[in-house]
């Protein structure tokens, strides 16, 4: 936990971030759902929880959503860039989202304290992993 006055750690240099992104595919299928008052079981099962004015967005394992009858429209793969990126880093999201967009792949990004997490359509997983693995060759 950060203490008052302590600086954030993590890599800020875009060249280093791209060279060492090390994308890792987390097994399974994930879905985005929105609920007004999700149960404790659902919030504890979610990999992402975002409170928005319109409702609470949860990213859940698909099997959990199916088990609880939670609706969804988008089935995704979850890819984690294993490099510890700084929250103050500039250009990483732009670089990987542009590379994916150039291949016609949409991405939904969540930045954690340590890593960037990318959700892509499940059917695009293999190509997305290839694209993300090729980030080392992107000029910076």
Protein backbone atom coordinates (compact mmCIF):
# COMPACT_ATOMS: atom_id res chain seq x y z
CA UNK A 1 0.00 0.00 0.00
CA UNK A 2 1.30 3.45 -0.88
CA UNK A 3 2.09 5.68 2.05
CA UNK A 4 1.61 9.43 1.94
CA UNK A 5 4.48 10.99 -0.01
CA UNK A 6 5.61 7.65 -1.47
CA UNK A 7 6.13 7.70 -5.24
CA UNK A 8 4.43 5.27 -7.60
CA UNK A 9 6.59 2.51 -8.90
CA UNK A 10 6.35 0.87 -12.28
CA UNK A 11 7.88 1.44 -15.68
CA UNK A 12 7.18 4.74 -17.47
CA UNK A 13 9.49 4.44 -20.48
CA UNK A 14 7.40 3.51 -23.53
CA UNK A 15 10.30 1.69 -25.22
CA UNK A 16 10.78 -0.51 -22.14
CA UNK A 17 7.03 -1.05 -21.76
CA UNK A 18 6.68 -2.25 -25.34
CA UNK A 19 9.84 -4.37 -25.22
CA UNK A 20 8.73 -6.17 -22.07
CA UNK A 21 4.92 -6.10 -22.24
CA UNK A 22 4.79 -9.93 -22.01
CA UNK A 23 1.08 -10.44 -22.76
CA UNK A 24 -0.46 -13.37 -20.93
CA UNK A 25 -3.85 -14.88 -21.79
CA UNK A 26 -5.89 -15.65 -18.68
CA UNK A 27 -7.88 -18.83 -19.34
CA UNK A 28 -11.64 -18.72 -19.65
CA UNK A 29 -14.35 -16.55 -21.10
CA UNK A 30 -15.41 -13.25 -19.50
CA UNK A 31 -18.52 -11.12 -19.92
CA UNK A 32 -19.46 -7.51 -19.20
CA UNK A 33 -22.73 -7.06 -17.30
CA UNK A 34 -24.46 -4.21 -15.58
CA UNK A 35 -26.66 -4.47 -12.51
CA UNK A 36 -28.18 -1.99 -10.10
CA UNK A 37 -27.45 -4.03 -6.96
CA UNK A 38 -25.31 -7.10 -7.61
CA UNK A 39 -25.24 -9.82 -4.98
CA UNK A 40 -22.17 -10.30 -2.82
CA UNK A 41 -21.47 -13.54 -4.68
CA UNK A 42 -21.35 -11.70 -7.99
CA UNK A 43 -19.19 -8.84 -6.76
CA UNK A 44 -16.76 -11.29 -5.15
CA UNK A 45 -16.65 -13.33 -8.38
CA UNK A 46 -16.01 -10.32 -10.60
CA UNK A 47 -12.56 -9.53 -11.97
CA UNK A 48 -13.57 -5.89 -12.52
CA UNK A 49 -16.13 -3.80 -10.61
CA UNK A 50 -16.93 -0.26 -11.75
CA UNK A 51 -19.60 1.95 -10.23
CA UNK A 52 -21.22 4.17 -12.87
CA UNK A 53 -24.19 6.53 -12.61
CA UNK A 54 -26.34 4.11 -14.62
CA UNK A 55 -25.43 0.98 -12.67
CA UNK A 56 -22.58 -1.25 -11.58
CA UNK A 57 -20.51 -2.81 -14.34
CA UNK A 58 -19.07 -6.22 -13.57
CA UNK A 59 -16.67 -8.26 -15.63
CA UNK A 60 -17.42 -11.83 -14.67
CA UNK A 61 -16.31 -15.29 -15.70
CA UNK A 62 -18.96 -16.37 -18.22
CA UNK A 63 -19.80 -19.53 -16.27
CA UNK A 64 -20.61 -17.44 -13.17
CA UNK A 65 -22.84 -15.10 -15.19
CA UNK A 66 -24.62 -18.12 -16.67
CA UNK A 67 -24.98 -19.76 -13.25
CA UNK A 68 -26.65 -16.64 -11.80
CA UNK A 69 -28.68 -15.80 -14.92
CA UNK A 70 -26.89 -12.51 -15.50
CA UNK A 71 -27.38 -11.10 -19.00
CA UNK A 72 -24.53 -10.06 -21.29
CA UNK A 73 -23.87 -9.31 -24.95
CA UNK A 74 -20.08 -9.50 -25.22
CA UNK A 75 -17.92 -12.56 -24.56
CA UNK A 76 -14.27 -11.69 -24.12
CA UNK A 77 -10.82 -13.01 -23.44
CA UNK A 78 -8.75 -11.41 -20.71
CA UNK A 79 -5.14 -10.60 -21.54
CA UNK A 80 -2.73 -9.15 -18.97
CA UNK A 81 0.41 -7.24 -19.89
CA UNK A 82 2.78 -8.65 -17.30
CA UNK A 83 5.13 -5.67 -17.16
CA UNK A 84 4.57 -3.49 -14.09
CA UNK A 85 3.53 -0.31 -15.84
CA UNK A 86 3.29 2.98 -14.01
CA UNK A 87 -0.15 4.56 -13.86
CA UNK A 88 1.63 7.72 -15.08
CA UNK A 89 3.11 6.03 -18.17
CA UNK A 90 2.29 7.77 -21.45
CA UNK A 91 1.56 6.02 -24.73
CA UNK A 92 1.22 2.35 -23.79
CA UNK A 93 -2.55 2.15 -24.17
CA UNK A 94 -2.36 4.14 -27.42
CA UNK A 95 0.31 1.81 -28.82
CA UNK A 96 -1.44 -1.47 -28.12
CA UNK A 97 -4.94 -0.21 -28.94
CA UNK A 98 -3.67 1.17 -32.29
CA UNK A 99 -1.93 -2.13 -33.07
CA UNK A 100 -5.12 -4.05 -32.30
CA UNK A 101 -7.31 -1.55 -34.20
CA UNK A 102 -5.07 -1.94 -37.25
CA UNK A 103 -6.11 -5.62 -37.24
CA UNK A 104 -9.80 -4.79 -36.69
CA UNK A 105 -9.80 -5.87 -33.04
CA UNK A 106 -11.60 -3.80 -30.43
CA UNK A 107 -10.23 -3.73 -26.91
CA UNK A 108 -11.57 -2.75 -23.54
CA UNK A 109 -8.82 -1.72 -21.17
CA UNK A 110 -8.62 -1.67 -17.38
CA UNK A 111 -5.50 -0.38 -15.66
CA UNK A 112 -4.66 -2.01 -12.37
CA UNK A 113 -1.97 -0.71 -10.05
CA UNK A 114 0.56 -3.20 -11.43
CA UNK A 115 -0.66 -4.21 -14.89
CA UNK A 116 -2.82 -3.28 -17.84
CA UNK A 117 -5.66 -5.70 -18.56
CA UNK A 118 -7.11 -5.96 -22.03
CA UNK A 119 -10.42 -7.58 -22.89
CA UNK A 120 -10.89 -8.56 -26.54
CA UNK A 121 -13.68 -10.48 -28.26
CA UNK A 122 -13.16 -14.15 -27.48
CA UNK A 123 -12.96 -15.07 -31.17
CA UNK A 124 -10.07 -12.59 -31.60
CA UNK A 125 -7.88 -14.09 -28.86
CA UNK A 126 -5.24 -15.77 -31.01
CA UNK A 127 -4.72 -12.80 -33.33
CA UNK A 128 -4.76 -10.36 -30.39
CA UNK A 129 -2.04 -12.36 -28.61
CA UNK A 130 0.04 -12.32 -31.81
CA UNK A 131 -0.42 -8.56 -32.18
CA UNK A 132 0.41 -7.85 -28.54
CA UNK A 133 3.43 -10.16 -28.65
CA UNK A 134 4.73 -8.21 -31.65
CA UNK A 135 4.75 -4.89 -29.77
CA UNK A 136 8.52 -5.14 -29.42
CA UNK A 137 8.86 -4.24 -33.08
CA UNK A 138 6.76 -1.06 -32.91
CA UNK A 139 8.91 2.03 -33.49
CA UNK A 140 8.81 4.55 -30.64
